[in-house]
Amino acid sequence: MSAARPVLNVYAECGKNVATTVPLPAVFKAPIRPDIVNFVHTNMAKNKRQPYAVSDKAGEQTSAESWGTGRAVARIPRVNGSGTHRAGQAAFGNMCRGGRMFAPTKTWRKWHVKTNLNQKRFATASALAASALPSLVMARGHRVEKIEEVPLVIDDSVEKVAKTKDAVALLKAVNAYADVVKVSNSRKLRAGKGKLRNRRHRQRRGPLVIYNEDNGIVKAFRNLPGLELVNVRRLNLLQLAPGGHLGRFIIWTKGAISLLDELYGTYETPATLKKDYVLPAHIMTNPDVNRLINSDEIQSVVRPAGNKVQKRPFTQKKNPLKNQGVMNRLNPYAQVLRRAEIIASEKRAAGKVTKVQKKGTSGAASKKFLETLNSA
């Protein structure tokens, strides 16, 4: 991407004219690692949970004692008293109706997770790089078909906008308001108990506006549905990749995008606003594998391709009664029997051998037998 577009256009408030250009920050060339982004997002999202637990007394607010042995019932504690259905019922156990749960939850669970700082920075750099690819932004569901380019950079004068109607006019001028309309149309009632817990509605995410100085821009944009704002010095992965999914639609101000090289550095110089930080390196400098394999340097040292031989799988089952080779492997003496059979059949065909009649197999009775039979 960086080779095709070394600079970014900066659009005026009217959205049509190109006010100036800025060089593409090096962080947009960082490797895109969905695995790291998903891992870091999972850990960071746990850090704003609130503790919850069941009551210590739940399921154990009854006077129940075991009946002991000898009464042909289980030794689980049973409710005291008589004259009611509850008397004699099992209590306390997690398998009992009205009993406590197994391993009751406690508020001193380990709710928060520490994530390595370099991992969080790697994930943020990957999320920023993914936001510069229109295919990933569109795959995430943002309506960016009509905007001029991604990332979308607007002049610093937008930071002085103080009225929401002016903010709406600006978004319409740069063809970004369709993403806000998408959020507005997606507002639905939440399924489940969250409706009763101040989470009554759910909706999509809209654009993320990143600014350098707040001269009224936050007040102007904050009431638009789904649209979020953040200072470029306080970028948050939970906003750059909501749900751990790369490709958030980001609207930059010129001052914010110009500060990225100081925040994250380049591949030649380290960051100046972060201590001892350099951008993560790519595993492959050229990911185009087909171009690598077909290059003259590699093709000159590999041996030429041979004839393609289609081998049959060695596990193929063959019938030894029909395949003599398989029969010979199973019974080596079968070849001797087969050869003798062939030679005998050839001799019979040539008339050299006649079938020998065995003794005692004649159909006529002997003369002596007939005389003995008649004299009786």
Protein backbone atom coordinates (compact mmCIF):
# COMPACT_ATOMS: atom_id res chain seq x y z
CA MET A 1 0.00 0.00 0.00
CA SER A 2 2.79 2.42 0.92
CA ALA A 3 4.54 1.95 -2.42
CA ALA A 4 1.36 2.76 -4.33
CA ARG A 5 0.43 5.77 -2.20
CA PRO A 6 3.30 7.53 -0.37
CA VAL A 7 1.15 10.56 0.57
CA LEU A 8 -2.40 11.12 1.83
CA ASN A 9 -4.76 13.82 0.63
CA VAL A 10 -6.07 16.26 3.23
CA TYR A 11 -9.61 17.38 2.40
CA ALA A 12 -11.13 20.74 3.26
CA GLU A 13 -14.30 21.10 5.33
CA CYS A 14 -16.39 21.26 2.17
CA GLY A 15 -15.17 17.72 1.40
CA LYS A 16 -14.44 18.28 -2.29
CA ASN A 17 -11.21 20.26 -2.45
CA VAL A 18 -7.83 18.81 -1.54
CA ALA A 19 -6.27 21.36 0.79
CA THR A 20 -2.82 19.72 1.00
CA THR A 21 -1.10 16.36 1.42
CA VAL A 22 0.73 14.62 4.27
CA PRO A 23 3.22 11.74 4.05
CA LEU A 24 1.84 8.32 4.95
CA PRO A 25 2.83 7.52 8.58
CA ALA A 26 4.99 4.42 8.97
CA VAL A 27 2.58 2.82 11.44
CA PHE A 28 0.25 2.08 8.52
CA LYS A 29 2.95 -0.28 7.20
CA ALA A 30 3.01 -2.35 10.42
CA PRO A 31 2.20 -6.07 10.18
CA ILE A 32 -1.49 -6.91 10.57
CA ARG A 33 -1.79 -9.64 13.20
CA PRO A 34 -5.42 -10.60 13.98
CA ASP A 35 -4.22 -13.16 16.54
CA ILE A 36 -2.41 -10.56 18.66
CA VAL A 37 -5.28 -8.07 18.30
CA ASN A 38 -7.82 -10.65 19.42
CA PHE A 39 -5.69 -11.77 22.37
CA VAL A 40 -5.03 -8.24 23.62
CA HIS A 41 -8.65 -7.18 23.09
CA THR A 42 -9.90 -10.15 25.14
CA ASN A 43 -7.63 -9.22 28.04
CA MET A 44 -8.34 -5.48 27.90
CA ALA A 45 -12.10 -5.96 27.76
CA LYS A 46 -11.95 -7.77 31.11
CA ASN A 47 -10.56 -4.71 32.88
CA LYS A 48 -13.84 -2.83 33.13
CA ARG A 49 -15.90 -5.65 34.62
CA GLN A 50 -17.61 -5.11 37.96
CA PRO A 51 -17.50 -7.81 40.65
CA TYR A 52 -20.61 -9.91 41.18
CA ALA A 53 -21.44 -12.75 43.54
CA VAL A 54 -24.41 -14.50 45.10
CA SER A 55 -25.30 -13.85 48.73
CA ASP A 56 -23.34 -15.77 51.35
CA LYS A 57 -26.64 -16.81 52.95
CA ALA A 58 -28.43 -17.87 49.76
CA GLY A 59 -29.81 -21.41 50.00
CA GLU A 60 -28.80 -21.87 53.64
CA GLN A 61 -31.42 -19.79 55.46
CA THR A 62 -33.31 -22.74 56.90
CA SER A 63 -33.05 -24.94 59.99
CA ALA A 64 -32.14 -28.30 58.51
CA GLU A 65 -30.34 -31.24 60.05
CA SER A 66 -29.53 -34.70 58.80
CA TRP A 67 -31.71 -37.55 60.05
CA GLY A 68 -28.63 -39.76 60.23
CA THR A 69 -28.59 -43.44 59.39
CA GLY A 70 -31.17 -46.13 59.97
CA ARG A 71 -34.20 -44.45 58.37
CA ALA A 72 -33.64 -45.67 54.78
CA VAL A 73 -33.16 -42.13 53.42
CA ALA A 74 -30.13 -40.20 52.28
CA ARG A 75 -28.08 -38.41 54.90
CA ILE A 76 -28.58 -34.97 53.32
CA PRO A 77 -29.81 -32.31 55.82
CA ARG A 78 -33.60 -32.13 55.97
CA VAL A 79 -35.90 -29.27 57.00
CA ASN A 80 -37.28 -29.55 60.55
CA GLY A 81 -40.92 -29.36 61.53
CA SER A 82 -44.14 -30.96 60.34
CA GLY A 83 -47.53 -30.10 58.93
CA THR A 84 -46.17 -28.63 55.69
CA HIS A 85 -44.69 -29.90 52.44
CA ARG A 86 -41.38 -28.25 53.21
CA ALA A 87 -40.81 -30.33 56.33
CA GLY A 88 -38.55 -33.27 55.62
CA GLN A 89 -37.36 -31.92 52.28
CA ALA A 90 -33.63 -31.97 51.58
CA ALA A 91 -31.83 -28.65 51.97
CA PHE A 92 -28.44 -26.90 51.64
CA GLY A 93 -26.94 -29.14 48.97
CA ASN A 94 -26.36 -27.95 45.42
CA MET A 95 -28.50 -30.83 44.18
CA CYS A 96 -31.45 -29.80 46.36
CA ARG A 97 -34.39 -27.62 45.41
CA GLY A 98 -33.94 -24.31 47.20
CA GLY A 99 -30.33 -25.16 48.12
CA ARG A 100 -27.17 -23.15 47.47
CA MET A 101 -25.25 -23.35 44.21
CA PHE A 102 -22.06 -25.35 43.86
CA ALA A 103 -18.99 -23.24 44.73
CA PRO A 104 -20.85 -19.95 45.35
CA THR A 105 -19.29 -17.04 43.45
CA LYS A 106 -17.19 -14.57 45.42
CA THR A 107 -16.39 -10.92 44.79
CA TRP A 108 -12.66 -11.53 45.27
CA ARG A 109 -12.30 -13.34 41.98
CA LYS A 110 -9.37 -12.18 39.79
CA TRP A 111 -11.35 -9.90 37.49
CA HIS A 112 -8.58 -7.89 35.83
CA VAL A 113 -5.83 -9.14 33.54
CA LYS A 114 -2.45 -7.54 33.04
CA THR A 115 -1.25 -7.40 29.43
CA ASN A 116 2.33 -6.74 28.36
CA LEU A 117 2.84 -3.15 27.24
CA ASN A 118 4.64 -4.15 24.05
CA GLN A 119 1.78 -6.50 23.14
CA LYS A 120 -0.74 -3.70 23.57
CA ARG A 121 1.36 -1.41 21.39
CA PHE A 122 1.74 -4.13 18.75
CA ALA A 123 -2.03 -4.66 18.68
CA THR A 124 -2.67 -0.91 18.39
CA ALA A 125 -0.22 -0.61 15.49
CA SER A 126 -1.87 -3.58 13.73
CA ALA A 127 -5.34 -2.05 14.19
CA LEU A 128 -4.14 1.26 12.73
CA ALA A 129 -2.56 -0.50 9.75
CA ALA A 130 -5.77 -2.47 9.10
CA SER A 131 -7.85 0.73 9.17
CA ALA A 132 -5.98 1.89 6.06
CA LEU A 133 -7.16 -1.05 3.90
CA PRO A 134 -10.58 -0.41 2.31
CA SER A 135 -11.25 -4.15 1.96
CA LEU A 136 -10.95 -4.74 5.72
CA VAL A 137 -12.97 -1.61 6.54
CA MET A 138 -15.79 -2.70 4.23
CA ALA A 139 -15.60 -6.29 5.49
CA ARG A 140 -16.23 -4.98 8.99
CA GLY A 141 -19.51 -3.49 7.77
CA HIS A 142 -18.72 0.23 7.44
CA ARG A 143 -20.38 2.20 4.63
CA VAL A 144 -17.30 3.64 2.92
CA GLU A 145 -18.19 3.00 -0.72
CA LYS A 146 -18.51 6.69 -1.63
CA ILE A 147 -15.70 8.30 0.38
CA GLU A 148 -12.67 9.56 -1.49
CA GLU A 149 -9.98 7.44 0.16
CA VAL A 150 -9.06 5.46 3.29
CA PRO A 151 -7.69 6.69 5.65
CA LEU A 152 -9.83 9.83 5.42
CA VAL A 153 -7.94 12.97 6.53
CA ILE A 154 -9.66 16.34 7.05
CA ASP A 155 -8.12 19.74 7.63
CA ASP A 156 -7.47 20.95 11.21
CA SER A 157 -10.24 23.52 10.93
CA VAL A 158 -12.71 20.71 11.76
CA GLU A 159 -11.39 20.73 15.34
CA LYS A 160 -13.06 24.13 15.84
CA VAL A 161 -16.53 22.92 14.84
CA ALA A 162 -18.81 23.36 17.87
CA LYS A 163 -22.34 22.67 16.55
CA THR A 164 -23.76 19.22 15.79
CA LYS A 165 -25.56 20.48 12.68
CA ASP A 166 -22.18 21.64 11.33
CA ALA A 167 -20.71 18.23 12.15
CA VAL A 168 -23.51 16.50 10.23
CA ALA A 169 -22.95 18.81 7.26
CA LEU A 170 -19.24 17.98 7.32
CA LEU A 171 -19.87 14.23 7.37
CA LYS A 172 -22.31 14.56 4.49
CA ALA A 173 -19.77 16.61 2.52
CA VAL A 174 -17.14 13.85 2.78
CA ASN A 175 -19.75 11.10 2.16
CA ALA A 176 -19.20 9.57 5.62
CA TYR A 177 -22.69 10.22 7.00
CA ALA A 178 -23.99 6.93 5.54
CA ASP A 179 -22.13 5.09 8.27
CA VAL A 180 -23.94 7.13 10.94
CA VAL A 181 -27.30 6.38 9.28
CA LYS A 182 -26.41 2.69 9.33
CA VAL A 183 -25.94 2.89 13.11
CA SER A 184 -29.19 4.78 13.59
CA ASN A 185 -31.13 2.15 11.62
CA SER A 186 -29.54 -0.72 13.53
CA ARG A 187 -30.79 0.32 16.99
CA LYS A 188 -32.67 -2.66 18.47
CA LEU A 189 -34.00 -3.74 21.84
CA ARG A 190 -31.58 -5.99 23.65
CA ALA A 191 -32.59 -9.61 24.18
CA GLY A 192 -32.45 -10.79 27.77
CA LYS A 193 -32.18 -9.28 31.23
CA GLY A 194 -29.86 -6.50 30.05
CA LYS A 195 -32.99 -4.50 29.21
CA LEU A 196 -33.53 -4.07 32.96
CA ARG A 197 -29.93 -3.13 33.67
CA ASN A 198 -29.51 0.17 31.82
CA ARG A 199 -28.50 -1.65 28.62
CA ARG A 200 -31.88 -1.46 26.94
CA HIS A 201 -30.71 -1.00 23.34
CA ARG A 202 -27.91 -2.29 21.18
CA GLN A 203 -26.54 -0.86 17.93
CA ARG A 204 -23.63 -1.00 15.47
CA ARG A 205 -20.41 1.02 15.69
CA GLY A 206 -19.95 4.06 13.48
CA PRO A 207 -16.86 6.10 12.53
CA LEU A 208 -14.07 6.90 14.96
CA VAL A 209 -12.91 10.53 14.84
CA ILE A 210 -9.30 10.99 15.97
CA TYR A 211 -8.26 14.58 16.72
CA ASN A 212 -5.18 16.38 18.03
CA GLU A 213 -6.70 19.26 20.02
CA ASP A 214 -10.25 19.64 21.28
CA ASN A 215 -11.41 23.12 20.31
CA GLY A 216 -15.08 22.13 20.26
CA ILE A 217 -14.96 19.00 18.10
CA VAL A 218 -15.96 16.66 20.95
CA LYS A 219 -19.05 18.66 21.81
CA ALA A 220 -20.07 18.83 18.15
CA PHE A 221 -19.72 15.11 17.32
CA ARG A 222 -20.48 13.36 20.62
CA ASN A 223 -24.28 13.21 20.15
CA LEU A 224 -24.18 11.40 16.80
CA PRO A 225 -25.21 7.72 17.17
CA GLY A 226 -22.36 5.23 17.03
CA LEU A 227 -19.69 7.89 16.43
CA GLU A 228 -16.80 7.97 18.90
CA LEU A 229 -13.98 10.45 19.46
CA VAL A 230 -10.51 9.96 20.91
CA ASN A 231 -7.34 12.00 21.21
CA VAL A 232 -4.47 10.70 19.10
CA ARG A 233 -2.28 10.48 22.23
CA ARG A 234 -4.76 8.15 23.93
CA LEU A 235 -5.61 5.58 21.27
CA ASN A 236 -7.49 2.58 22.64
CA LEU A 237 -7.62 -0.86 21.04
CA LEU A 238 -11.20 -1.31 22.28
CA GLN A 239 -12.15 1.54 19.93
CA LEU A 240 -9.72 0.79 17.09
CA ALA A 241 -10.87 -2.85 16.82
CA PRO A 242 -14.26 -3.30 18.55
CA GLY A 243 -14.95 -6.93 19.34
CA GLY A 244 -11.37 -7.78 18.33
CA HIS A 245 -12.30 -7.25 14.66
CA LEU A 246 -9.88 -5.24 12.54
CA GLY A 247 -10.91 -2.49 10.12
CA ARG A 248 -12.58 0.40 12.01
CA PHE A 249 -13.52 3.35 9.81
CA ILE A 250 -11.39 6.24 11.11
CA ILE A 251 -11.66 9.95 10.27
CA TRP A 252 -8.41 11.76 11.03
CA THR A 253 -7.60 15.41 11.43
CA LYS A 254 -4.39 16.61 9.82
CA GLY A 255 -2.72 17.34 13.15
CA ALA A 256 -3.58 13.89 14.50
CA ILE A 257 -2.23 11.89 11.57
CA SER A 258 0.91 14.04 11.43
CA LEU A 259 1.67 13.12 15.04
CA LEU A 260 1.72 9.36 14.41
CA ASP A 261 5.38 9.24 13.36
CA GLU A 262 6.36 10.85 16.67
CA LEU A 263 4.11 8.50 18.64
CA TYR A 264 5.09 5.23 16.93
CA GLY A 265 8.27 6.13 15.06
CA THR A 266 9.30 4.88 11.65
CA TYR A 267 11.35 1.93 10.49
CA GLU A 268 14.40 4.21 10.43
CA THR A 269 13.94 6.19 13.66
CA PRO A 270 12.40 5.16 17.03
CA ALA A 271 9.40 6.89 18.57
CA THR A 272 10.08 10.17 20.36
CA LEU A 273 6.93 10.21 22.54
CA LYS A 274 7.38 6.60 23.72
CA LYS A 275 10.45 5.32 25.51
CA ASP A 276 12.48 2.64 23.72
CA TYR A 277 9.77 1.78 21.20
CA VAL A 278 10.27 0.75 17.59
CA LEU A 279 7.66 -0.48 15.16
CA PRO A 280 7.23 -4.29 14.93
CA ALA A 281 9.04 -5.88 12.01
CA HIS A 282 7.42 -8.03 9.35
CA ILE A 283 8.04 -11.77 9.35
CA MET A 284 8.40 -11.55 5.55
CA THR A 285 9.61 -8.43 3.80
CA ASN A 286 7.87 -9.56 0.61
CA PRO A 287 4.70 -11.58 1.21
CA ASP A 288 4.12 -12.24 -2.51
CA VAL A 289 5.15 -15.92 -2.50
CA ASN A 290 4.40 -16.50 -6.20
CA ARG A 291 6.65 -13.62 -7.15
CA LEU A 292 9.42 -15.01 -4.94
CA ILE A 293 9.22 -18.54 -6.35
CA ASN A 294 9.12 -17.36 -9.96
CA SER A 295 11.98 -14.89 -9.54
CA ASP A 296 15.16 -15.41 -11.57
CA GLU A 297 17.28 -15.80 -8.43
CA ILE A 298 15.32 -18.83 -7.19
CA GLN A 299 14.51 -20.38 -10.58
CA SER A 300 18.20 -20.34 -11.54
CA VAL A 301 19.19 -22.69 -8.69
CA VAL A 302 16.25 -25.11 -8.49
CA ARG A 303 16.21 -28.27 -10.58
CA PRO A 304 13.68 -28.43 -13.41
CA ALA A 305 10.31 -29.98 -12.74
CA GLY A 306 10.01 -33.63 -13.73
CA ASN A 307 7.11 -35.49 -15.29
CA LYS A 308 4.05 -35.54 -13.14
CA VAL A 309 3.42 -39.06 -11.88
CA GLN A 310 0.05 -39.85 -10.40
CA LYS A 311 0.58 -42.54 -7.81
CA ARG A 312 -2.27 -44.62 -6.58
CA PRO A 313 -2.67 -44.71 -2.85
CA PHE A 314 -0.80 -47.64 -1.32
CA THR A 315 -3.75 -48.38 0.94
CA GLN A 316 -6.00 -49.37 -1.96
CA LYS A 317 -7.62 -52.75 -1.28
CA LYS A 318 -7.18 -55.35 -4.04
CA ASN A 319 -8.85 -58.75 -4.31
CA PRO A 320 -6.25 -61.60 -4.18
CA LEU A 321 -8.68 -63.96 -5.96
CA LYS A 322 -8.64 -61.67 -8.98
CA ASN A 323 -5.14 -60.16 -8.71
CA GLN A 324 -2.36 -62.75 -9.00
CA GLY A 325 0.34 -60.35 -7.76
CA VAL A 326 -1.49 -59.74 -4.48
CA MET A 327 -2.13 -63.48 -4.13
CA ASN A 328 1.60 -64.20 -4.59
CA ARG A 329 2.44 -61.75 -1.80
CA LEU A 330 -0.03 -63.45 0.51
CA ASN A 331 0.88 -67.05 -0.55
CA PRO A 332 4.18 -67.46 -2.45
CA TYR A 333 3.33 -71.08 -3.30
CA ALA A 334 0.25 -69.93 -5.24
CA GLN A 335 2.52 -69.12 -8.17
CA VAL A 336 3.74 -72.75 -8.35
CA LEU A 337 0.17 -74.07 -8.28
CA ARG A 338 -0.92 -71.65 -10.95
CA ARG A 339 2.01 -72.56 -13.22
CA ALA A 340 1.26 -76.30 -12.85
CA GLU A 341 -2.37 -75.70 -13.66
CA ILE A 342 -1.48 -73.78 -16.83
CA ILE A 343 0.95 -76.50 -18.04
CA ALA A 344 -1.63 -79.25 -17.45
CA SER A 345 -4.30 -77.40 -19.36
CA GLU A 346 -1.91 -76.86 -22.30
CA LYS A 347 -1.10 -80.60 -22.44
CA ARG A 348 -4.76 -81.54 -22.40
CA ALA A 349 -5.43 -79.10 -25.20
CA ALA A 350 -2.64 -80.67 -27.29
CA GLY A 351 -4.04 -84.22 -26.74
CA LYS A 352 -0.93 -85.52 -24.99
CA VAL A 353 -2.76 -86.44 -21.82
CA THR A 354 -6.03 -88.29 -21.46
CA LYS A 355 -8.04 -88.43 -18.36
CA VAL A 356 -7.21 -91.65 -16.44
CA GLN A 357 -10.23 -93.49 -15.11
CA LYS A 358 -9.78 -94.59 -11.55
CA LYS A 359 -10.18 -98.29 -10.58
CA GLY A 360 -13.52 -99.32 -9.24
CA THR A 361 -15.39 -96.47 -10.76
CA SER A 362 -17.02 -98.48 -13.61
CA GLY A 363 -20.76 -98.31 -13.85
CA ALA A 364 -21.28 -102.06 -14.81
CA ALA A 365 -21.42 -104.77 -12.11
CA SER A 366 -18.86 -107.61 -12.24
CA LYS A 367 -19.71 -111.15 -13.45
CA LYS A 368 -18.93 -112.78 -10.09
CA PHE A 369 -21.23 -110.34 -8.32
CA LEU A 370 -24.09 -111.14 -10.69
CA GLU A 371 -23.67 -114.94 -10.21
CA THR A 372 -23.73 -114.56 -6.44
CA LEU A 373 -26.77 -112.35 -6.67
CA ASN A 374 -28.75 -114.79 -8.90
CA SER A 375 -27.88 -117.92 -6.87
CA ALA A 376 -29.41 -116.52 -3.75
